[in-house]
Amino acid sequence: MIYHISKDNYEREVLNSSLPVVLDFYADWCGPCKAEGKILEKLDPEFDGKIKICKSNVDENPDFAEMFGIQTIPTLIFYKDGKKLGQYSGVLDKEGIKRMLEI
């Protein structure tokens, strides 16, 4: 399951998650974002119960993206135990995502 994140559910779904989280900032018109989205969609069933995949559309949630200083999309932010592990701008493959989450 892929979760859609905004200011309203960020704390509950990301910071309070018992699973490591990938938070993808994207836009529907962005070609590289679509490529990253397909990678995340393929990972979702494989990592079910191991990681939580979250997405936030920067056009629908501009204030939320601004909170993180998002200037390039796609941007992935990685969390574990409510703490930010790292951030990556651009398309990251499956192995890169696994490395960032240390799984």
Protein backbone atom coordinates (compact mmCIF):
# COMPACT_ATOMS: atom_id res chain seq x y z
CA MET A 1 0.00 0.00 0.00
CA ILE A 2 1.29 3.44 -0.92
CA TYR A 3 0.29 6.23 1.45
CA HIS A 4 -0.39 9.80 0.34
CA ILE A 5 1.14 12.27 2.78
CA SER A 6 0.40 15.88 3.66
CA LYS A 7 0.93 18.05 6.73
CA ASP A 8 -2.20 16.49 8.22
CA ASN A 9 -0.94 12.90 8.38
CA TYR A 10 2.87 13.29 8.25
CA GLU A 11 3.44 12.75 11.96
CA ARG A 12 1.11 9.75 12.18
CA GLU A 13 2.17 7.97 8.98
CA VAL A 14 5.88 8.90 8.78
CA LEU A 15 7.31 9.94 12.13
CA ASN A 16 5.28 7.43 14.17
CA SER A 17 5.71 4.54 11.73
CA SER A 18 7.02 1.29 13.17
CA LEU A 19 8.49 0.55 9.73
CA PRO A 20 11.25 2.37 7.83
CA VAL A 21 9.69 4.96 5.50
CA VAL A 22 10.45 6.23 1.99
CA LEU A 23 8.77 9.61 1.43
CA ASP A 24 8.68 10.55 -2.27
CA PHE A 25 8.05 14.17 -3.25
CA TYR A 26 6.80 14.22 -6.85
CA ALA A 27 4.55 15.91 -9.43
CA ASP A 28 2.30 14.26 -12.00
CA TRP A 29 3.91 16.21 -14.90
CA CYS A 30 7.48 15.19 -13.97
CA GLY A 31 9.00 12.46 -16.18
CA PRO A 32 11.70 11.38 -13.70
CA CYS A 33 9.03 11.32 -10.96
CA LYS A 34 6.99 8.87 -13.04
CA ALA A 35 10.07 6.64 -13.40
CA GLU A 36 10.68 6.76 -9.63
CA GLY A 37 6.99 6.07 -9.03
CA LYS A 38 7.17 2.89 -11.10
CA ILE A 39 10.19 1.71 -9.09
CA LEU A 40 8.32 2.36 -5.85
CA GLU A 41 5.20 0.60 -7.14
CA LYS A 42 7.28 -2.50 -7.92
CA LEU A 43 8.92 -2.35 -4.47
CA ASP A 44 5.62 -2.03 -2.63
CA PRO A 45 4.56 -5.70 -2.76
CA GLU A 46 8.14 -6.96 -2.36
CA PHE A 47 8.74 -4.94 0.80
CA ASP A 48 5.22 -5.25 2.22
CA GLY A 49 5.56 -5.32 5.99
CA LYS A 50 9.23 -4.27 5.80
CA ILE A 51 9.02 -0.64 4.64
CA LYS A 52 6.29 1.95 4.23
CA ILE A 53 6.15 3.82 0.93
CA CYS A 54 4.71 7.33 1.10
CA LYS A 55 4.22 9.97 -1.58
CA SER A 56 3.46 13.68 -1.53
CA ASN A 57 2.47 15.64 -4.64
CA VAL A 58 4.29 18.99 -4.52
CA ASP A 59 1.59 20.69 -6.61
CA GLU A 60 -1.18 19.57 -4.23
CA ASN A 61 0.89 20.16 -1.07
CA PRO A 62 3.24 23.09 -1.81
CA ASP A 63 3.45 24.23 1.83
CA PHE A 64 4.37 20.71 2.93
CA ALA A 65 7.14 20.47 0.30
CA GLU A 66 8.38 23.91 1.35
CA MET A 67 8.72 22.69 4.97
CA PHE A 68 11.43 20.33 3.69
CA GLY A 69 13.05 22.78 1.29
CA ILE A 70 12.19 20.60 -1.70
CA GLN A 71 13.55 22.29 -4.83
CA THR A 72 14.15 19.27 -7.06
CA ILE A 73 11.81 16.40 -7.80
CA PRO A 74 11.73 13.56 -7.37
CA THR A 75 13.22 13.81 -3.91
CA LEU A 76 13.18 10.84 -1.57
CA ILE A 77 13.54 11.25 2.19
CA PHE A 78 14.27 8.15 4.25
CA TYR A 79 13.17 7.63 7.86
CA LYS A 80 13.69 4.96 10.47
CA ASP A 81 12.27 5.10 14.00
CA GLY A 82 10.98 8.61 13.31
CA LYS A 83 14.42 9.96 12.43
CA LYS A 84 15.60 11.14 9.03
CA LEU A 85 18.27 8.79 7.66
CA GLY A 86 18.99 10.70 4.47
CA GLN A 87 17.69 12.37 1.36
CA TYR A 88 18.21 11.79 -2.35
CA SER A 89 17.16 13.95 -5.31
CA GLY A 90 16.72 12.20 -8.65
CA VAL A 91 15.76 8.68 -9.61
CA LEU A 92 17.08 6.04 -7.22
CA ASP A 93 16.95 2.34 -8.10
CA LYS A 94 15.79 -0.50 -5.85
CA GLU A 95 19.27 -1.28 -4.54
CA GLY A 96 19.88 2.37 -3.73
CA ILE A 97 16.63 2.54 -1.81
CA LYS A 98 17.57 -0.57 0.16
CA ARG A 99 20.99 0.93 0.97
CA MET A 100 19.45 4.18 2.18
CA LEU A 101 17.11 2.27 4.49
CA GLU A 102 19.83 -0.09 5.65
CA ILE A 103 17.68 -3.16 4.93
